[in-house]
C-alpha atoms as a PDB file:
ATOM      1  CA  MET A   1     -11.469  17.451   0.013  1.00  0.00           C
ATOM      2  CA  ASN A   2     -13.460  14.474   1.222  1.00  0.00           C
ATOM      3  CA  SER A   3     -14.012  10.863   0.173  1.00  0.00           C
ATOM      4  CA  ALA A   4     -17.022  11.878  -2.000  1.00  0.00           C
ATOM      5  CA  ASP A   5     -14.716  14.148  -4.031  1.00  0.00           C
ATOM      6  CA  PRO A   6     -14.028  12.811  -7.549  1.00  0.00           C
ATOM      7  CA  LEU A   7     -10.347  12.950  -6.620  1.00  0.00           C
ATOM      8  CA  PHE A   8     -10.913   9.669  -4.775  1.00  0.00           C
ATOM      9  CA  THR A   9     -11.810   6.366  -6.399  1.00  0.00           C
ATOM     10  CA  PRO A  10     -15.224   4.822  -5.807  1.00  0.00           C
ATOM     11  CA  VAL A  11     -15.116   2.369  -2.919  1.00  0.00           C
ATOM     12  CA  VAL A  12     -12.409  -0.245  -3.424  1.00  0.00           C
ATOM     13  CA  ARG A  13     -13.857  -3.591  -2.412  1.00  0.00           C
ATOM     14  CA  GLY A  14     -12.571  -7.116  -2.878  1.00  0.00           C
ATOM     15  CA  THR A  15     -10.052  -9.762  -2.029  1.00  0.00           C
ATOM     16  CA  PHE A  16      -6.436  -8.671  -1.730  1.00  0.00           C
ATOM     17  CA  HIS A  17      -3.245 -10.587  -1.010  1.00  0.00           C
ATOM     18  CA  ARG A  18      -0.293 -10.155   1.307  1.00  0.00           C
ATOM     19  CA  ALA A  19       2.848 -12.206   1.897  1.00  0.00           C
ATOM     20  CA  ILE A  20       3.677 -12.778   5.537  1.00  0.00           C
ATOM     21  CA  ASP A  21       6.108 -14.778   7.603  1.00  0.00           C
ATOM     22  CA  PRO A  22       3.889 -17.617   8.920  1.00  0.00           C
ATOM     23  CA  ARG A  23       5.371 -17.122  12.401  1.00  0.00           C
ATOM     24  CA  PHE A  24       3.633 -13.724  12.530  1.00  0.00           C
ATOM     25  CA  HIS A  25       0.238 -14.775  11.141  1.00  0.00           C
ATOM     26  CA  ARG A  26      -1.590 -13.255  14.115  1.00  0.00           C
ATOM     27  CA  PHE A  27      -0.084  -9.853  13.195  1.00  0.00           C
ATOM     28  CA  ALA A  28      -0.939 -10.115   9.484  1.00  0.00           C
ATOM     29  CA  ILE A  29      -3.029  -6.949   9.435  1.00  0.00           C
ATOM     30  CA  ALA A  30      -1.015  -4.952  11.965  1.00  0.00           C
ATOM     31  CA  GLY A  31       0.838  -3.261   9.105  1.00  0.00           C
ATOM     32  CA  SER A  32       4.478  -2.863   8.261  1.00  0.00           C
ATOM     33  CA  ARG A  33       7.137  -3.179  10.951  1.00  0.00           C
ATOM     34  CA  ALA A  34       9.847  -1.324   9.053  1.00  0.00           C
ATOM     35  CA  ALA A  35      10.175   1.571   6.648  1.00  0.00           C
ATOM     36  CA  GLY A  36       8.593   0.989   3.246  1.00  0.00           C
ATOM     37  CA  ARG A  37       8.035   2.761  -0.056  1.00  0.00           C
ATOM     38  CA  TYR A  38       5.213   4.842   1.440  1.00  0.00           C
ATOM     39  CA  SER A  39       6.030   4.654   5.140  1.00  0.00           C
ATOM     40  CA  ARG A  40       8.552   5.746   7.673  1.00  0.00           C
ATOM     41  CA  ALA A  41       9.293   3.064  10.269  1.00  0.00           C
ATOM     42  CA  ASP A  42       6.889   4.691  12.760  1.00  0.00           C
ATOM     43  CA  GLU A  43       3.963   4.947  10.290  1.00  0.00           C
ATOM     44  CA  PRO A  44       1.908   1.759  10.273  1.00  0.00           C
ATOM     45  CA  THR A  45       1.048   0.994   6.663  1.00  0.00           C
ATOM     46  CA  LEU A  46      -0.666  -2.015   5.159  1.00  0.00           C
ATOM     47  CA  TYR A  47       0.724  -3.081   1.786  1.00  0.00           C
ATOM     48  CA  LEU A  48      -1.606  -5.333  -0.227  1.00  0.00           C
ATOM     49  CA  SER A  49      -1.684  -6.624  -3.785  1.00  0.00           C
ATOM     50  CA  SER A  50      -4.685  -7.048  -6.018  1.00  0.00           C
ATOM     51  CA  SER A  51      -3.431 -10.500  -7.087  1.00  0.00           C
ATOM     52  CA  VAL A  52      -0.994 -13.244  -6.130  1.00  0.00           C
ATOM     53  CA  GLU A  53       1.067 -12.233  -9.186  1.00  0.00           C
ATOM     54  CA  GLY A  54       1.219  -8.726  -7.724  1.00  0.00           C
ATOM     55  CA  VAL A  55       2.621 -10.091  -4.470  1.00  0.00           C
ATOM     56  CA  ASP A  56       5.309 -11.948  -6.406  1.00  0.00           C
ATOM     57  CA  ALA A  57       6.203  -8.845  -8.432  1.00  0.00           C
ATOM     58  CA  ALA A  58       6.388  -6.669  -5.308  1.00  0.00           C
ATOM     59  CA  LEU A  59       8.597  -9.127  -3.444  1.00  0.00           C
ATOM     60  CA  ILE A  60      11.312  -9.164  -6.089  1.00  0.00           C
ATOM     61  CA  ALA A  61      12.809  -6.019  -4.549  1.00  0.00           C
ATOM     62  CA  HIS A  62      12.696  -7.542  -1.050  1.00  0.00           C
ATOM     63  CA  ARG A  63      13.968 -11.095  -1.548  1.00  0.00           C
ATOM     64  CA  ASP A  64      17.129 -10.518   0.520  1.00  0.00           C
ATOM     65  CA  THR A  65      15.305  -9.022   3.531  1.00  0.00           C
ATOM     66  CA  ARG A  66      12.371 -11.424   3.864  1.00  0.00           C
ATOM     67  CA  ALA A  67      11.923 -14.833   5.429  1.00  0.00           C
ATOM     68  CA  SER A  68      12.528 -17.605   2.927  1.00  0.00           C
ATOM     69  CA  ALA A  69       9.151 -19.262   3.516  1.00  0.00           C
ATOM     70  CA  LEU A  70       6.326 -16.791   3.125  1.00  0.00           C
ATOM     71  CA  GLU A  71       2.617 -17.483   3.286  1.00  0.00           C
ATOM     72  CA  ILE A  72       0.276 -15.579   0.999  1.00  0.00           C
ATOM     73  CA  ILE A  73      -2.933 -14.711   2.779  1.00  0.00           C
ATOM     74  CA  GLU A  74      -6.205 -13.353   1.432  1.00  0.00           C
ATOM     75  CA  LEU A  75      -7.876 -10.313   2.942  1.00  0.00           C
ATOM     76  CA  ASP A  76     -11.338  -8.869   2.420  1.00  0.00           C
ATOM     77  CA  VAL A  77     -11.094  -5.099   2.026  1.00  0.00           C
ATOM     78  CA  GLU A  78     -13.582  -2.270   1.741  1.00  0.00           C
ATOM     79  CA  ALA A  79     -11.914   1.108   1.370  1.00  0.00           C
ATOM     80  CA  ALA A  80     -13.031   4.659   0.612  1.00  0.00           C
ATOM     81  CA  GLY A  81     -10.770   7.696   0.409  1.00  0.00           C
ATOM     82  CA  ILE A  82      -8.293   5.989  -1.924  1.00  0.00           C
ATOM     83  CA  VAL A  83      -6.310   7.926  -4.530  1.00  0.00           C
ATOM     84  CA  ASP A  84      -5.441   5.978  -7.671  1.00  0.00           C
ATOM     85  CA  LEU A  85      -1.907   6.925  -8.719  1.00  0.00           C
ATOM     86  CA  ARG A  86      -2.629   5.445 -12.154  1.00  0.00           C
ATOM     87  CA  ASP A  87      -5.019   8.377 -12.749  1.00  0.00           C
ATOM     88  CA  PRO A  88      -3.099  11.327 -14.236  1.00  0.00           C
ATOM     89  CA  ASP A  89      -5.970  13.747 -13.477  1.00  0.00           C
ATOM     90  CA  ALA A  90      -5.995  12.818  -9.787  1.00  0.00           C
ATOM     91  CA  ARG A  91      -2.203  13.132  -9.590  1.00  0.00           C
ATOM     92  CA  SER A  92      -2.330  16.525 -11.282  1.00  0.00           C
ATOM     93  CA  ARG A  93      -5.076  17.845  -8.988  1.00  0.00           C
ATOM     94  CA  ILE A  94      -3.111  16.803  -5.906  1.00  0.00           C
ATOM     95  CA  GLY A  95       0.256  17.905  -7.260  1.00  0.00           C
ATOM     96  CA  ILE A  96       1.939  14.502  -7.310  1.00  0.00           C
ATOM     97  CA  ASP A  97       4.524  13.466  -9.879  1.00  0.00           C
ATOM     98  CA  LEU A  98       4.335   9.725 -10.606  1.00  0.00           C
ATOM     99  CA  ALA A  99       8.137   9.696 -10.871  1.00  0.00           C
ATOM    100  CA  ASP A 100       8.294  10.526  -7.138  1.00  0.00           C
ATOM    101  CA  ALA A 101       6.120   7.521  -6.319  1.00  0.00           C
ATOM    102  CA  MET A 102       8.144   5.232  -8.587  1.00  0.00           C
ATOM    103  CA  ALA A 103      11.625   6.419  -7.559  1.00  0.00           C
ATOM    104  CA  PRO A 104      13.931   4.079  -5.657  1.00  0.00           C
ATOM    105  CA  TRP A 105      13.510   4.774  -1.943  1.00  0.00           C
ATOM    106  CA  GLN A 106      15.589   2.323   0.093  1.00  0.00           C
ATOM    107  CA  GLN A 107      18.965   4.009  -0.300  1.00  0.00           C
ATOM    108  CA  ASP A 108      17.567   7.425   0.704  1.00  0.00           C
ATOM    109  CA  ALA A 109      15.865   5.923   3.760  1.00  0.00           C
ATOM    110  CA  GLU A 110      18.990   4.023   4.837  1.00  0.00           C
ATOM    111  CA  ALA A 111      21.032   7.236   4.537  1.00  0.00           C
ATOM    112  CA  GLY A 112      18.589   9.068   6.822  1.00  0.00           C
ATOM    113  CA  GLY A 113      16.995  11.056   4.008  1.00  0.00           C
ATOM    114  CA  THR A 114      13.395  11.445   2.946  1.00  0.00           C
ATOM    115  CA  PRO A 115      12.535   9.371  -0.109  1.00  0.00           C
ATOM    116  CA  ALA A 116      10.310  11.130  -2.632  1.00  0.00           C
ATOM    117  CA  SER A 117       7.627   8.452  -2.133  1.00  0.00           C
ATOM    118  CA  TRP A 118       7.299   9.427   1.544  1.00  0.00           C
ATOM    119  CA  SER A 119       6.459  12.947   0.397  1.00  0.00           C
ATOM    120  CA  VAL A 120       3.790  11.425  -1.872  1.00  0.00           C
ATOM    121  CA  ARG A 121       2.218   9.805   1.204  1.00  0.00           C
ATOM    122  CA  ASP A 122       2.455  13.068   3.156  1.00  0.00           C
ATOM    123  CA  ARG A 123       0.616  14.921   0.389  1.00  0.00           C
ATOM    124  CA  LEU A 124      -2.090  12.253   0.155  1.00  0.00           C
ATOM    125  CA  VAL A 125      -2.661  12.319   3.915  1.00  0.00           C
ATOM    126  CA  GLU A 126      -2.852  16.116   3.704  1.00  0.00           C
ATOM    127  CA  VAL A 127      -5.781  15.895   1.245  1.00  0.00           C
ATOM    128  CA  GLY A 128      -7.579  13.305   3.383  1.00  0.00           C
ATOM    129  CA  ALA A 129      -6.658  10.058   1.636  1.00  0.00           C
ATOM    130  CA  THR A 130      -6.774   6.822   3.611  1.00  0.00           C
ATOM    131  CA  GLY A 131      -4.530   5.095   1.082  1.00  0.00           C
ATOM    132  CA  LEU A 132      -3.523   4.749  -2.532  1.00  0.00           C
ATOM    133  CA  ILE A 133      -3.547   2.473  -5.521  1.00  0.00           C
ATOM    134  CA  ASP A 134       0.032   1.954  -6.601  1.00  0.00           C
ATOM    135  CA  PRO A 135       0.876   0.719 -10.113  1.00  0.00           C
ATOM    136  CA  SER A 136       3.385  -2.119 -10.148  1.00  0.00           C
ATOM    137  CA  ARG A 137       6.834  -1.027 -11.233  1.00  0.00           C
ATOM    138  CA  ARG A 138       7.643  -4.540 -12.465  1.00  0.00           C
ATOM    139  CA  ARG A 139       4.417  -5.281 -14.324  1.00  0.00           C
ATOM    140  CA  PRO A 140       2.250  -2.353 -15.456  1.00  0.00           C
ATOM    141  CA  ASP A 141      -0.825  -4.611 -15.650  1.00  0.00           C
ATOM    142  CA  LEU A 142      -0.684  -5.202 -11.870  1.00  0.00           C
ATOM    143  CA  TRP A 143      -1.458  -2.897  -8.952  1.00  0.00           C
ATOM    144  CA  HIS A 144      -1.248  -2.692  -5.195  1.00  0.00           C
ATOM    145  CA  LEU A 145      -3.391  -1.144  -2.475  1.00  0.00           C
ATOM    146  CA  VAL A 146      -1.548   0.750   0.258  1.00  0.00           C
ATOM    147  CA  LEU A 147      -3.534   1.744   3.352  1.00  0.00           C
ATOM    148  CA  PHE A 148      -2.461   4.476   5.763  1.00  0.00           C
ATOM    149  CA  ARG A 149      -5.322   3.769   8.208  1.00  0.00           C
ATOM    150  CA  TRP A 150      -7.642   0.784   8.599  1.00  0.00           C
ATOM    151  CA  ASN A 151     -10.033  -0.861  11.042  1.00  0.00           C
ATOM    152  CA  GLU A 152     -10.795   2.353  12.901  1.00  0.00           C
ATOM    153  CA  PRO A 153     -13.696   4.813  12.580  1.00  0.00           C
ATOM    154  CA  SER A 154     -14.016   6.351   9.070  1.00  0.00           C
ATOM    155  CA  ALA A 155     -11.249   4.132   7.734  1.00  0.00           C
ATOM    156  CA  PRO A 156     -11.069   1.138   5.403  1.00  0.00           C
ATOM    157  CA  THR A 157     -11.928  -2.264   6.847  1.00  0.00           C
ATOM    158  CA  VAL A 158      -9.625  -5.229   6.449  1.00  0.00           C
ATOM    159  CA  ARG A 159     -10.391  -8.792   7.524  1.00  0.00           C
ATOM    160  CA  ILE A 160      -8.338 -11.929   7.079  1.00  0.00           C
ATOM    161  CA  ARG A 161     -10.176 -14.451   4.955  1.00  0.00           C
ATOM    162  CA  GLU A 162      -9.671 -17.657   6.905  1.00  0.00           C
ATOM    163  CA  ARG A 163      -9.215 -20.785   4.878  1.00  0.00           C
ATOM    164  CA  ASP A 164     -10.378 -24.182   6.011  1.00  0.00           C
ATOM    165  CA  ARG A 165      -7.336 -25.753   7.553  1.00  0.00           C
END
């Protein structure tokens, strides 16, 4: 399969949001530094939200492990090769069960296991995806963009939108 395959969404382009510890602003697009829903600790992954409300919804599960003062930054993204997990046809064609993507993952990861959502990532990488659209578990009207690769050849591009300071 390739990015022109109907399995993948048309190019995802727009402004996305990410909460970061202001002390690490210069690393804002370096990706995750710890295990996440779709990433083992050694798999750089960039978690973005389509809205500020999406950032807030996503952070509810991480309030105890994050810095108390977070900065929400805006990023310009252009991404091909994205699988939309909200699309039941795409999930069916790939062989992904949405329940695996939505299942709690932290306890499995902490116990040294393999969360079901990591297997979702593995399958998406296997079919050539560069990332996924993830429906919010807290608010079904919101969604997130998760990138497995970015800012390298044949990968999505991500740029920090600098505000006037």
